[in-house]
Amino acid sequence: MQTSVSSQRSPGRGVGLGLALVSALAFGGSGVAAKPLIEAGLDPLHVVWLRVAGAALVMLPVAVRHRVLPRRRPALLAGFGLLAVAGVQACYFAALSRIPVGVALLVEYLAPALVLGWVRFVQRRPVTRAAALGAVLAAGGLSCVVEVWSGLRFDALGLVFALGAACCQVGYFVLSDQGSDAGTEAPDPLGVIAYGLLVGAAVLTAVARPWSMDWTVLAGAARLHGADVPAVVLLAWIVLFATVVAYVTGVLSVRRLSPQVAGVVACLEAVIATVLAWVLLGEHLSAPQVAGGAVVLAGAFIAQSGASAGGPAEPAASGGPERELSSRGTAA
């Protein structure tokens, strides 16, 4: 029976890992498209608003299809929109205004460790040593990828904003894991994403004030590694791939893995962003960055190995049929 259960769950985990990697690739590819737009004259917060509002518009038909969802799960939709969409973006950019990019990124990607703390101490569910070790390795490797020692300076408010981004990212993983409660049908993940983007767009509209944006930038071109690329093409990439595809694959991956494992795999986003910046923006990788990327990969692999090596599982308290937690220590 144990062999039968494991063989049934392995394909789901394999698909989940593939989705998590696609999500990391999509999220990691946002920076190389956003940076030329910012250098062309757009405010960073306006780029964030365009990203979220454009994705919300693309997902609007999905929201209409699931129009009963706001009445059924209003708290889930509001939380996803405020934390997973608007909160992460707003806090991260606020942190960037006060502390170096590397420091902000490292603090934000403490989220996998914070997810483990949430699962262990709030949900009171066991986590494996493999998942914990994977999170530690990923955080350590990430510090090399972003070269946190470069230009380090202490700014209390900036660090608070960065920690806020990390906490909001925890909300993203935890809320993405919400499936069927007792006697309640699991909400469709596409509907959750659609309404989350709508809520996030509404919040960011009040913060970014897009009516003050220089819209003429979008009619021109931006420089990408020495070449002129239409600004609307870069914006389309950010909206369709780096947002819609990223959120859809990310939420689906959490449903098939677990918040803690998907969170560690998501650390690959920083590695992917660094490699893409090297290839497309000419920002060269240093030896510590290459070594750090290898450590992040090792951490993600160890966490995933721990999630797939356990025996029979019991359903998690808030989980559906695919989100199971082994009482013997499987990190799922």
C-alpha atoms as a PDB file:
ATOM      1  CA  MET A   1       0.000   0.000   0.000  1.00  0.00           C
ATOM      2  CA  GLN A   2       2.844   2.406   0.797  1.00  0.00           C
ATOM      3  CA  THR A   3       4.371   1.805  -2.638  1.00  0.00           C
ATOM      4  CA  SER A   4       0.988   2.410  -4.266  1.00  0.00           C
ATOM      5  CA  VAL A   5       0.444   5.706  -2.453  1.00  0.00           C
ATOM      6  CA  SER A   6       3.977   6.911  -3.256  1.00  0.00           C
ATOM      7  CA  SER A   7       3.600   6.054  -6.932  1.00  0.00           C
ATOM      8  CA  GLN A   8       0.325   7.963  -7.089  1.00  0.00           C
ATOM      9  CA  ARG A   9       1.803  11.071  -5.460  1.00  0.00           C
ATOM     10  CA  SER A  10       5.118  11.198  -7.308  1.00  0.00           C
ATOM     11  CA  PRO A  11       3.670  12.461 -10.620  1.00  0.00           C
ATOM     12  CA  GLY A  12       1.830  15.242  -8.783  1.00  0.00           C
ATOM     13  CA  ARG A  13       5.037  16.312  -7.062  1.00  0.00           C
ATOM     14  CA  GLY A  14       6.938  16.183 -10.332  1.00  0.00           C
ATOM     15  CA  VAL A  15       4.360  18.438 -11.966  1.00  0.00           C
ATOM     16  CA  GLY A  16       4.443  20.707  -8.931  1.00  0.00           C
ATOM     17  CA  LEU A  17       8.209  21.038  -9.097  1.00  0.00           C
ATOM     18  CA  GLY A  18       8.018  21.820 -12.817  1.00  0.00           C
ATOM     19  CA  LEU A  19       5.383  24.491 -12.175  1.00  0.00           C
ATOM     20  CA  ALA A  20       7.505  25.982  -9.372  1.00  0.00           C
ATOM     21  CA  LEU A  21      10.493  26.216 -11.717  1.00  0.00           C
ATOM     22  CA  VAL A  22       8.389  27.897 -14.420  1.00  0.00           C
ATOM     23  CA  SER A  23       7.072  30.339 -11.816  1.00  0.00           C
ATOM     24  CA  ALA A  24      10.601  31.152 -10.634  1.00  0.00           C
ATOM     25  CA  LEU A  25      11.675  31.678 -14.251  1.00  0.00           C
ATOM     26  CA  ALA A  26       8.693  33.952 -14.913  1.00  0.00           C
ATOM     27  CA  PHE A  27       9.094  36.032 -11.753  1.00  0.00           C
ATOM     28  CA  GLY A  28      12.854  36.177 -12.264  1.00  0.00           C
ATOM     29  CA  GLY A  29      12.371  37.483 -15.803  1.00  0.00           C
ATOM     30  CA  SER A  30      10.469  40.558 -14.703  1.00  0.00           C
ATOM     31  CA  GLY A  31      13.516  42.608 -13.743  1.00  0.00           C
ATOM     32  CA  VAL A  32      15.289  42.458 -17.110  1.00  0.00           C
ATOM     33  CA  ALA A  33      12.170  43.868 -18.771  1.00  0.00           C
ATOM     34  CA  ALA A  34      11.298  46.372 -16.049  1.00  0.00           C
ATOM     35  CA  LYS A  35      14.762  47.919 -15.767  1.00  0.00           C
ATOM     36  CA  PRO A  36      14.827  49.266 -19.392  1.00  0.00           C
ATOM     37  CA  LEU A  37      11.372  50.781 -18.840  1.00  0.00           C
ATOM     38  CA  ILE A  38      12.562  52.491 -15.665  1.00  0.00           C
ATOM     39  CA  GLU A  39      15.691  53.754 -17.411  1.00  0.00           C
ATOM     40  CA  ALA A  40      13.447  55.049 -20.227  1.00  0.00           C
ATOM     41  CA  GLY A  41      11.683  57.345 -17.772  1.00  0.00           C
ATOM     42  CA  LEU A  42       8.970  55.382 -15.944  1.00  0.00           C
ATOM     43  CA  ASP A  43       8.812  55.521 -12.166  1.00  0.00           C
ATOM     44  CA  PRO A  44       9.374  52.062 -10.591  1.00  0.00           C
ATOM     45  CA  LEU A  45       6.036  52.212  -8.804  1.00  0.00           C
ATOM     46  CA  HIS A  46       4.308  53.011 -12.086  1.00  0.00           C
ATOM     47  CA  VAL A  47       5.910  49.932 -13.656  1.00  0.00           C
ATOM     48  CA  VAL A  48       4.518  47.872 -10.779  1.00  0.00           C
ATOM     49  CA  TRP A  49       1.059  49.368 -11.304  1.00  0.00           C
ATOM     50  CA  LEU A  50       1.170  48.656 -15.048  1.00  0.00           C
ATOM     51  CA  ARG A  51       2.219  45.107 -14.309  1.00  0.00           C
ATOM     52  CA  VAL A  52      -0.553  44.357 -11.836  1.00  0.00           C
ATOM     53  CA  ALA A  53      -3.300  46.350 -13.577  1.00  0.00           C
ATOM     54  CA  GLY A  54      -2.467  44.788 -16.939  1.00  0.00           C
ATOM     55  CA  ALA A  55      -2.523  41.292 -15.467  1.00  0.00           C
ATOM     56  CA  ALA A  56      -5.831  42.036 -13.738  1.00  0.00           C
ATOM     57  CA  LEU A  57      -7.278  43.097 -17.092  1.00  0.00           C
ATOM     58  CA  VAL A  58      -6.059  39.875 -18.730  1.00  0.00           C
ATOM     59  CA  MET A  59      -7.590  37.786 -15.930  1.00  0.00           C
ATOM     60  CA  LEU A  60     -10.866  39.746 -15.893  1.00  0.00           C
ATOM     61  CA  PRO A  61     -12.789  37.084 -17.893  1.00  0.00           C
ATOM     62  CA  VAL A  62     -11.716  34.523 -15.305  1.00  0.00           C
ATOM     63  CA  ALA A  63     -13.006  36.781 -12.534  1.00  0.00           C
ATOM     64  CA  VAL A  64     -16.353  37.111 -14.318  1.00  0.00           C
ATOM     65  CA  ARG A  65     -16.553  33.335 -14.682  1.00  0.00           C
ATOM     66  CA  HIS A  66     -15.986  32.947 -10.920  1.00  0.00           C
ATOM     67  CA  ARG A  67     -18.157  35.892  -9.880  1.00  0.00           C
ATOM     68  CA  VAL A  68     -19.627  33.964  -6.925  1.00  0.00           C
ATOM     69  CA  LEU A  69     -16.167  33.585  -5.384  1.00  0.00           C
ATOM     70  CA  PRO A  70     -16.127  37.003  -3.619  1.00  0.00           C
ATOM     71  CA  ARG A  71     -19.259  36.012  -1.713  1.00  0.00           C
ATOM     72  CA  ARG A  72     -17.857  32.613  -0.759  1.00  0.00           C
ATOM     73  CA  ARG A  73     -14.258  33.502   0.159  1.00  0.00           C
ATOM     74  CA  PRO A  74     -13.989  37.287   0.594  1.00  0.00           C
ATOM     75  CA  ALA A  75     -11.244  37.078   3.243  1.00  0.00           C
ATOM     76  CA  LEU A  76      -9.072  34.824   1.087  1.00  0.00           C
ATOM     77  CA  LEU A  77      -9.377  37.103  -1.951  1.00  0.00           C
ATOM     78  CA  ALA A  78      -8.737  40.264   0.046  1.00  0.00           C
ATOM     79  CA  GLY A  79      -5.735  38.694   1.771  1.00  0.00           C
ATOM     80  CA  PHE A  80      -4.250  37.433  -1.486  1.00  0.00           C
ATOM     81  CA  GLY A  81      -4.689  40.811  -3.151  1.00  0.00           C
ATOM     82  CA  LEU A  82      -3.321  42.818  -0.233  1.00  0.00           C
ATOM     83  CA  LEU A  83      -0.424  40.526   0.691  1.00  0.00           C
ATOM     84  CA  ALA A  84       0.538  38.382  -2.295  1.00  0.00           C
ATOM     85  CA  VAL A  85       0.073  41.111  -4.911  1.00  0.00           C
ATOM     86  CA  ALA A  86       0.115  44.665  -3.549  1.00  0.00           C
ATOM     87  CA  GLY A  87       1.996  44.110  -0.288  1.00  0.00           C
ATOM     88  CA  VAL A  88       5.035  42.336  -1.726  1.00  0.00           C
ATOM     89  CA  GLN A  89       5.453  44.872  -4.520  1.00  0.00           C
ATOM     90  CA  ALA A  90       4.882  48.020  -2.452  1.00  0.00           C
ATOM     91  CA  CYS A  91       7.066  46.963   0.492  1.00  0.00           C
ATOM     92  CA  TYR A  92       9.899  45.814  -1.761  1.00  0.00           C
ATOM     93  CA  PHE A  93      10.038  49.079  -3.703  1.00  0.00           C
ATOM     94  CA  ALA A  94       9.778  51.078  -0.482  1.00  0.00           C
ATOM     95  CA  ALA A  95      12.751  49.113   0.853  1.00  0.00           C
ATOM     96  CA  LEU A  96      14.745  49.804  -2.312  1.00  0.00           C
ATOM     97  CA  SER A  97      14.395  53.515  -1.716  1.00  0.00           C
ATOM     98  CA  ARG A  98      16.304  53.229   1.585  1.00  0.00           C
ATOM     99  CA  ILE A  99      18.645  50.202   1.473  1.00  0.00           C
ATOM    100  CA  PRO A 100      20.747  48.466  -1.220  1.00  0.00           C
ATOM    101  CA  VAL A 101      19.002  46.118  -3.663  1.00  0.00           C
ATOM    102  CA  GLY A 102      20.995  43.111  -2.454  1.00  0.00           C
ATOM    103  CA  VAL A 103      20.050  43.638   1.179  1.00  0.00           C
ATOM    104  CA  ALA A 104      16.368  44.134   0.338  1.00  0.00           C
ATOM    105  CA  LEU A 105      16.296  41.014  -1.831  1.00  0.00           C
ATOM    106  CA  LEU A 106      18.013  38.883   0.802  1.00  0.00           C
ATOM    107  CA  VAL A 107      15.641  40.012   3.559  1.00  0.00           C
ATOM    108  CA  GLU A 108      12.619  39.396   1.312  1.00  0.00           C
ATOM    109  CA  TYR A 109      13.807  35.883   0.549  1.00  0.00           C
ATOM    110  CA  LEU A 110      13.962  35.026   4.208  1.00  0.00           C
ATOM    111  CA  ALA A 111      10.342  34.100   3.468  1.00  0.00           C
ATOM    112  CA  PRO A 112      11.048  30.344   3.079  1.00  0.00           C
ATOM    113  CA  ALA A 113      12.466  30.242   6.610  1.00  0.00           C
ATOM    114  CA  LEU A 114       9.495  32.259   7.852  1.00  0.00           C
ATOM    115  CA  VAL A 115       7.147  29.816   6.093  1.00  0.00           C
ATOM    116  CA  LEU A 116       8.768  26.960   8.019  1.00  0.00           C
ATOM    117  CA  GLY A 117       8.166  28.905  11.223  1.00  0.00           C
ATOM    118  CA  TRP A 118       4.515  29.446  10.274  1.00  0.00           C
ATOM    119  CA  VAL A 119       3.993  25.755   9.499  1.00  0.00           C
ATOM    120  CA  ARG A 120       5.779  24.572  12.647  1.00  0.00           C
ATOM    121  CA  PHE A 121       4.576  27.042  15.283  1.00  0.00           C
ATOM    122  CA  VAL A 122       1.261  28.408  13.956  1.00  0.00           C
ATOM    123  CA  GLN A 123      -0.173  25.428  12.105  1.00  0.00           C
ATOM    124  CA  ARG A 124       1.677  23.058  14.498  1.00  0.00           C
ATOM    125  CA  ARG A 125       2.654  20.744  11.650  1.00  0.00           C
ATOM    126  CA  PRO A 126       6.032  18.959  11.568  1.00  0.00           C
ATOM    127  CA  VAL A 127       8.689  19.912   9.030  1.00  0.00           C
ATOM    128  CA  THR A 128      11.619  17.768   7.994  1.00  0.00           C
ATOM    129  CA  ARG A 129      15.261  18.455   8.580  1.00  0.00           C
ATOM    130  CA  ALA A 130      15.677  18.391   4.793  1.00  0.00           C
ATOM    131  CA  ALA A 131      13.222  21.268   4.321  1.00  0.00           C
ATOM    132  CA  ALA A 132      14.885  23.278   7.102  1.00  0.00           C
ATOM    133  CA  LEU A 133      18.370  22.583   5.746  1.00  0.00           C
ATOM    134  CA  GLY A 134      17.197  23.513   2.248  1.00  0.00           C
ATOM    135  CA  ALA A 135      15.877  26.846   3.505  1.00  0.00           C
ATOM    136  CA  VAL A 136      19.139  27.607   5.331  1.00  0.00           C
ATOM    137  CA  LEU A 137      21.247  26.720   2.294  1.00  0.00           C
ATOM    138  CA  ALA A 138      19.014  28.738  -0.022  1.00  0.00           C
ATOM    139  CA  ALA A 139      19.234  31.814   2.220  1.00  0.00           C
ATOM    140  CA  GLY A 140      23.011  31.468   2.488  1.00  0.00           C
ATOM    141  CA  GLY A 141      23.447  30.989  -1.238  1.00  0.00           C
ATOM    142  CA  LEU A 142      21.152  33.897  -1.941  1.00  0.00           C
ATOM    143  CA  SER A 143      23.376  36.182   0.128  1.00  0.00           C
ATOM    144  CA  CYS A 144      26.188  35.372  -2.326  1.00  0.00           C
ATOM    145  CA  VAL A 145      23.967  35.794  -5.407  1.00  0.00           C
ATOM    146  CA  VAL A 146      22.935  39.301  -4.397  1.00  0.00           C
ATOM    147  CA  GLU A 147      26.381  40.063  -2.899  1.00  0.00           C
ATOM    148  CA  VAL A 148      24.848  41.384   0.292  1.00  0.00           C
ATOM    149  CA  TRP A 149      28.228  42.660   1.516  1.00  0.00           C
ATOM    150  CA  SER A 150      28.365  45.265  -1.278  1.00  0.00           C
ATOM    151  CA  GLY A 151      27.386  48.693  -0.040  1.00  0.00           C
ATOM    152  CA  LEU A 152      25.775  47.446   3.159  1.00  0.00           C
ATOM    153  CA  ARG A 153      24.389  50.206   5.314  1.00  0.00           C
ATOM    154  CA  PHE A 154      21.901  50.058   8.120  1.00  0.00           C
ATOM    155  CA  ASP A 155      18.567  51.822   7.788  1.00  0.00           C
ATOM    156  CA  ALA A 156      15.985  50.640  10.278  1.00  0.00           C
ATOM    157  CA  LEU A 157      12.926  51.735   8.293  1.00  0.00           C
ATOM    158  CA  GLY A 158      14.298  50.232   5.083  1.00  0.00           C
ATOM    159  CA  LEU A 159      14.866  46.906   6.804  1.00  0.00           C
ATOM    160  CA  VAL A 160      11.334  47.052   8.216  1.00  0.00           C
ATOM    161  CA  PHE A 161       9.969  47.501   4.697  1.00  0.00           C
ATOM    162  CA  ALA A 162      12.075  44.582   3.424  1.00  0.00           C
ATOM    163  CA  LEU A 163      10.880  42.391   6.280  1.00  0.00           C
ATOM    164  CA  GLY A 164       7.337  43.477   5.413  1.00  0.00           C
ATOM    165  CA  ALA A 165       7.909  42.211   1.867  1.00  0.00           C
ATOM    166  CA  ALA A 166       9.123  38.895   3.294  1.00  0.00           C
ATOM    167  CA  CYS A 167       6.039  38.594   5.502  1.00  0.00           C
ATOM    168  CA  CYS A 168       3.781  39.401   2.545  1.00  0.00           C
ATOM    169  CA  GLN A 169       5.564  36.709   0.552  1.00  0.00           C
ATOM    170  CA  VAL A 170       4.811  34.269   3.363  1.00  0.00           C
ATOM    171  CA  GLY A 171       1.184  35.280   2.913  1.00  0.00           C
ATOM    172  CA  TYR A 172       1.491  34.458  -0.790  1.00  0.00           C
ATOM    173  CA  PHE A 173       2.677  30.902  -0.102  1.00  0.00           C
ATOM    174  CA  VAL A 174       0.281  30.254   2.781  1.00  0.00           C
ATOM    175  CA  LEU A 175      -2.774  31.666   0.990  1.00  0.00           C
ATOM    176  CA  SER A 176      -1.850  29.798  -2.198  1.00  0.00           C
ATOM    177  CA  ASP A 177      -2.069  26.623  -0.116  1.00  0.00           C
ATOM    178  CA  GLN A 178      -5.677  27.285   0.856  1.00  0.00           C
ATOM    179  CA  GLY A 179      -7.818  24.475  -0.448  1.00  0.00           C
ATOM    180  CA  SER A 180     -10.891  22.825   0.951  1.00  0.00           C
ATOM    181  CA  ASP A 181     -11.792  23.417   4.540  1.00  0.00           C
ATOM    182  CA  ALA A 182     -14.013  20.987   6.310  1.00  0.00           C
ATOM    183  CA  GLY A 183     -17.177  20.637   4.244  1.00  0.00           C
ATOM    184  CA  THR A 184     -16.159  23.428   1.877  1.00  0.00           C
ATOM    185  CA  GLU A 185     -15.266  23.061  -1.785  1.00  0.00           C
ATOM    186  CA  ALA A 186     -11.753  24.249  -2.610  1.00  0.00           C
ATOM    187  CA  PRO A 187     -11.714  27.624  -4.415  1.00  0.00           C
ATOM    188  CA  ASP A 188     -10.508  27.558  -7.991  1.00  0.00           C
ATOM    189  CA  PRO A 189      -6.894  28.848  -7.973  1.00  0.00           C
ATOM    190  CA  LEU A 190      -7.422  30.830 -11.186  1.00  0.00           C
ATOM    191  CA  GLY A 191     -10.359  32.639  -9.599  1.00  0.00           C
ATOM    192  CA  VAL A 192      -8.287  33.438  -6.505  1.00  0.00           C
ATOM    193  CA  ILE A 193      -5.497  34.850  -8.686  1.00  0.00           C
ATOM    194  CA  ALA A 194      -7.914  36.889 -10.820  1.00  0.00           C
ATOM    195  CA  TYR A 195      -9.592  38.570  -7.858  1.00  0.00           C
ATOM    196  CA  GLY A 196      -6.293  38.926  -6.027  1.00  0.00           C
ATOM    197  CA  LEU A 197      -4.917  40.882  -8.989  1.00  0.00           C
ATOM    198  CA  LEU A 198      -8.045  43.066  -9.073  1.00  0.00           C
ATOM    199  CA  VAL A 199      -7.693  43.851  -5.367  1.00  0.00           C
ATOM    200  CA  GLY A 200      -3.977  44.487  -5.767  1.00  0.00           C
ATOM    201  CA  ALA A 201      -4.550  46.777  -8.749  1.00  0.00           C
ATOM    202  CA  ALA A 202      -7.100  48.797  -6.789  1.00  0.00           C
ATOM    203  CA  VAL A 203      -4.720  49.216  -3.837  1.00  0.00           C
ATOM    204  CA  LEU A 204      -1.748  50.102  -6.029  1.00  0.00           C
ATOM    205  CA  THR A 205      -3.825  52.635  -7.964  1.00  0.00           C
ATOM    206  CA  ALA A 206      -4.245  54.649  -4.783  1.00  0.00           C
ATOM    207  CA  VAL A 207      -0.518  54.345  -3.992  1.00  0.00           C
ATOM    208  CA  ALA A 208       1.041  54.778  -7.466  1.00  0.00           C
ATOM    209  CA  ARG A 209      -1.360  57.475  -8.781  1.00  0.00           C
ATOM    210  CA  PRO A 210      -0.977  56.403 -12.433  1.00  0.00           C
ATOM    211  CA  TRP A 211      -2.635  59.591 -13.711  1.00  0.00           C
ATOM    212  CA  SER A 212       0.689  61.311 -13.026  1.00  0.00           C
ATOM    213  CA  MET A 213       2.639  58.801 -15.155  1.00  0.00           C
ATOM    214  CA  ASP A 214       4.461  59.779 -18.345  1.00  0.00           C
ATOM    215  CA  TRP A 215       2.427  57.635 -20.748  1.00  0.00           C
ATOM    216  CA  THR A 216       4.478  58.746 -23.757  1.00  0.00           C
ATOM    217  CA  VAL A 217       7.295  56.413 -22.646  1.00  0.00           C
ATOM    218  CA  LEU A 218       5.148  53.452 -23.694  1.00  0.00           C
ATOM    219  CA  ALA A 219       4.919  54.809 -27.239  1.00  0.00           C
ATOM    220  CA  GLY A 220       8.692  54.810 -27.648  1.00  0.00           C
ATOM    221  CA  ALA A 221      11.523  52.317 -27.328  1.00  0.00           C
ATOM    222  CA  ALA A 222      13.738  51.190 -24.469  1.00  0.00           C
ATOM    223  CA  ARG A 223      17.355  50.017 -24.592  1.00  0.00           C
ATOM    224  CA  LEU A 224      17.875  46.324 -23.894  1.00  0.00           C
ATOM    225  CA  HIS A 225      21.536  45.265 -24.044  1.00  0.00           C
ATOM    226  CA  GLY A 226      22.343  47.823 -26.724  1.00  0.00           C
ATOM    227  CA  ALA A 227      19.227  47.225 -28.817  1.00  0.00           C
ATOM    228  CA  ASP A 228      16.072  49.328 -29.106  1.00  0.00           C
ATOM    229  CA  VAL A 229      13.002  47.336 -28.055  1.00  0.00           C
ATOM    230  CA  PRO A 230       9.448  48.749 -28.197  1.00  0.00           C
ATOM    231  CA  ALA A 231       8.360  49.626 -24.680  1.00  0.00           C
ATOM    232  CA  VAL A 232       4.985  47.943 -25.202  1.00  0.00           C
ATOM    233  CA  VAL A 233       6.745  44.661 -25.993  1.00  0.00           C
ATOM    234  CA  LEU A 234       8.611  44.791 -22.693  1.00  0.00           C
ATOM    235  CA  LEU A 235       5.385  45.684 -20.906  1.00  0.00           C
ATOM    236  CA  ALA A 236       3.586  42.760 -22.566  1.00  0.00           C
ATOM    237  CA  TRP A 237       6.338  40.428 -21.344  1.00  0.00           C
ATOM    238  CA  ILE A 238       5.995  41.747 -17.796  1.00  0.00           C
ATOM    239  CA  VAL A 239       2.202  41.463 -17.790  1.00  0.00           C
ATOM    240  CA  LEU A 240       1.673  38.157 -19.594  1.00  0.00           C
ATOM    241  CA  PHE A 241       4.699  36.083 -18.595  1.00  0.00           C
ATOM    242  CA  ALA A 242       6.220  37.691 -15.510  1.00  0.00           C
ATOM    243  CA  THR A 243       2.842  38.206 -13.824  1.00  0.00           C
ATOM    244  CA  VAL A 244      -0.018  36.099 -15.219  1.00  0.00           C
ATOM    245  CA  VAL A 245       2.043  32.980 -15.959  1.00  0.00           C
ATOM    246  CA  ALA A 246       4.152  33.512 -12.829  1.00  0.00           C
ATOM    247  CA  TYR A 247       1.192  33.704 -10.448  1.00  0.00           C
ATOM    248  CA  VAL A 248      -0.774  30.886 -12.091  1.00  0.00           C
ATOM    249  CA  THR A 249       2.112  28.421 -12.086  1.00  0.00           C
ATOM    250  CA  GLY A 250       3.225  29.572  -8.639  1.00  0.00           C
ATOM    251  CA  VAL A 251      -0.157  29.004  -6.983  1.00  0.00           C
ATOM    252  CA  LEU A 252      -0.638  25.655  -8.733  1.00  0.00           C
ATOM    253  CA  SER A 253       2.827  24.548  -7.628  1.00  0.00           C
ATOM    254  CA  VAL A 254       2.048  25.314  -3.987  1.00  0.00           C
ATOM    255  CA  ARG A 255      -1.145  23.268  -4.289  1.00  0.00           C
ATOM    256  CA  ARG A 256       0.922  20.265  -5.441  1.00  0.00           C
ATOM    257  CA  LEU A 257       3.959  20.697  -3.194  1.00  0.00           C
ATOM    258  CA  SER A 258       3.601  22.699   0.030  1.00  0.00           C
ATOM    259  CA  PRO A 259       4.235  26.298   1.073  1.00  0.00           C
ATOM    260  CA  GLN A 260       7.621  25.482   2.612  1.00  0.00           C
ATOM    261  CA  VAL A 261       8.996  23.460  -0.312  1.00  0.00           C
ATOM    262  CA  ALA A 262       7.627  25.823  -2.973  1.00  0.00           C
ATOM    263  CA  GLY A 263       9.096  28.708  -0.980  1.00  0.00           C
ATOM    264  CA  VAL A 264      12.589  27.249  -1.102  1.00  0.00           C
ATOM    265  CA  VAL A 265      12.315  26.515  -4.831  1.00  0.00           C
ATOM    266  CA  ALA A 266      11.164  30.121  -5.328  1.00  0.00           C
ATOM    267  CA  CYS A 267      14.608  31.257  -4.170  1.00  0.00           C
ATOM    268  CA  LEU A 268      15.752  30.235  -7.647  1.00  0.00           C
ATOM    269  CA  GLU A 269      14.062  33.431  -8.817  1.00  0.00           C
ATOM    270  CA  ALA A 270      17.054  35.435  -7.610  1.00  0.00           C
ATOM    271  CA  VAL A 271      19.452  33.110  -9.440  1.00  0.00           C
ATOM    272  CA  ILE A 272      17.392  33.312 -12.627  1.00  0.00           C
ATOM    273  CA  ALA A 273      17.150  37.096 -12.362  1.00  0.00           C
ATOM    274  CA  THR A 274      20.929  37.336 -11.966  1.00  0.00           C
ATOM    275  CA  VAL A 275      21.629  35.067 -14.952  1.00  0.00           C
ATOM    276  CA  LEU A 276      19.131  36.904 -17.168  1.00  0.00           C
ATOM    277  CA  ALA A 277      20.650  40.240 -16.139  1.00  0.00           C
ATOM    278  CA  TRP A 278      24.034  38.825 -17.161  1.00  0.00           C
ATOM    279  CA  VAL A 279      22.783  37.634 -20.566  1.00  0.00           C
ATOM    280  CA  LEU A 280      20.341  40.422 -21.490  1.00  0.00           C
ATOM    281  CA  LEU A 281      21.641  43.450 -19.596  1.00  0.00           C
ATOM    282  CA  GLY A 282      25.361  42.742 -19.626  1.00  0.00           C
ATOM    283  CA  GLU A 283      25.586  42.634 -15.812  1.00  0.00           C
ATOM    284  CA  HIS A 284      28.379  40.112 -15.315  1.00  0.00           C
ATOM    285  CA  LEU A 285      28.360  37.397 -12.672  1.00  0.00           C
ATOM    286  CA  SER A 286      31.149  37.265 -10.117  1.00  0.00           C
ATOM    287  CA  ALA A 287      32.624  34.062  -8.707  1.00  0.00           C
ATOM    288  CA  PRO A 288      30.688  34.418  -5.392  1.00  0.00           C
ATOM    289  CA  GLN A 289      27.449  34.840  -7.351  1.00  0.00           C
ATOM    290  CA  VAL A 290      28.078  31.667  -9.342  1.00  0.00           C
ATOM    291  CA  ALA A 291      28.923  29.763  -6.151  1.00  0.00           C
ATOM    292  CA  GLY A 292      25.858  31.187  -4.407  1.00  0.00           C
ATOM    293  CA  GLY A 293      23.613  30.122  -7.268  1.00  0.00           C
ATOM    294  CA  ALA A 294      24.925  26.556  -6.928  1.00  0.00           C
ATOM    295  CA  VAL A 295      24.141  26.619  -3.189  1.00  0.00           C
ATOM    296  CA  VAL A 296      20.585  27.874  -3.859  1.00  0.00           C
ATOM    297  CA  LEU A 297      20.078  25.041  -6.344  1.00  0.00           C
ATOM    298  CA  ALA A 298      21.387  22.561  -3.774  1.00  0.00           C
ATOM    299  CA  GLY A 299      19.012  23.920  -1.136  1.00  0.00           C
ATOM    300  CA  ALA A 300      16.010  23.638  -3.449  1.00  0.00           C
ATOM    301  CA  PHE A 301      16.993  20.079  -4.391  1.00  0.00           C
ATOM    302  CA  ILE A 302      17.412  19.000  -0.767  1.00  0.00           C
ATOM    303  CA  ALA A 303      14.048  20.474   0.226  1.00  0.00           C
ATOM    304  CA  GLN A 304      12.307  18.746  -2.690  1.00  0.00           C
ATOM    305  CA  SER A 305      14.067  15.441  -1.929  1.00  0.00           C
ATOM    306  CA  GLY A 306      12.816  15.618   1.632  1.00  0.00           C
ATOM    307  CA  ALA A 307       9.292  16.216   0.349  1.00  0.00           C
ATOM    308  CA  SER A 308       9.305  13.189  -1.939  1.00  0.00           C
ATOM    309  CA  ALA A 309      11.080  10.649   0.229  1.00  0.00           C
ATOM    310  CA  GLY A 310       8.478  10.102   2.934  1.00  0.00           C
ATOM    311  CA  GLY A 311       6.012   7.370   3.453  1.00  0.00           C
ATOM    312  CA  PRO A 312       2.241   7.518   3.563  1.00  0.00           C
ATOM    313  CA  ALA A 313       0.839  10.906   4.429  1.00  0.00           C
ATOM    314  CA  GLU A 314      -2.110  12.277   6.275  1.00  0.00           C
ATOM    315  CA  PRO A 315      -4.037  15.284   5.013  1.00  0.00           C
ATOM    316  CA  ALA A 316      -2.997  18.612   6.430  1.00  0.00           C
ATOM    317  CA  ALA A 317      -5.497  20.477   8.522  1.00  0.00           C
ATOM    318  CA  SER A 318      -6.250  23.000   5.803  1.00  0.00           C
ATOM    319  CA  GLY A 319      -5.267  20.907   2.821  1.00  0.00           C
ATOM    320  CA  GLY A 320      -6.973  19.265  -0.090  1.00  0.00           C
ATOM    321  CA  PRO A 321      -6.153  15.822  -1.496  1.00  0.00           C
ATOM    322  CA  GLU A 322      -2.847  16.903  -3.042  1.00  0.00           C
ATOM    323  CA  ARG A 323      -1.460  18.828  -0.050  1.00  0.00           C
ATOM    324  CA  GLU A 324      -0.510  16.102   2.391  1.00  0.00           C
ATOM    325  CA  LEU A 325       1.852  16.069   5.361  1.00  0.00           C
ATOM    326  CA  SER A 326       3.645  12.932   6.452  1.00  0.00           C
ATOM    327  CA  SER A 327       3.545  12.277  10.181  1.00  0.00           C
ATOM    328  CA  ARG A 328       6.971  10.705   9.727  1.00  0.00           C
ATOM    329  CA  GLY A 329       8.478  14.000   8.538  1.00  0.00           C
ATOM    330  CA  THR A 330       7.657  14.515   4.872  1.00  0.00           C
ATOM    331  CA  ALA A 331       7.881  18.256   4.123  1.00  0.00           C
ATOM    332  CA  ALA A 332       4.686  18.546   2.151  1.00  0.00           C
END
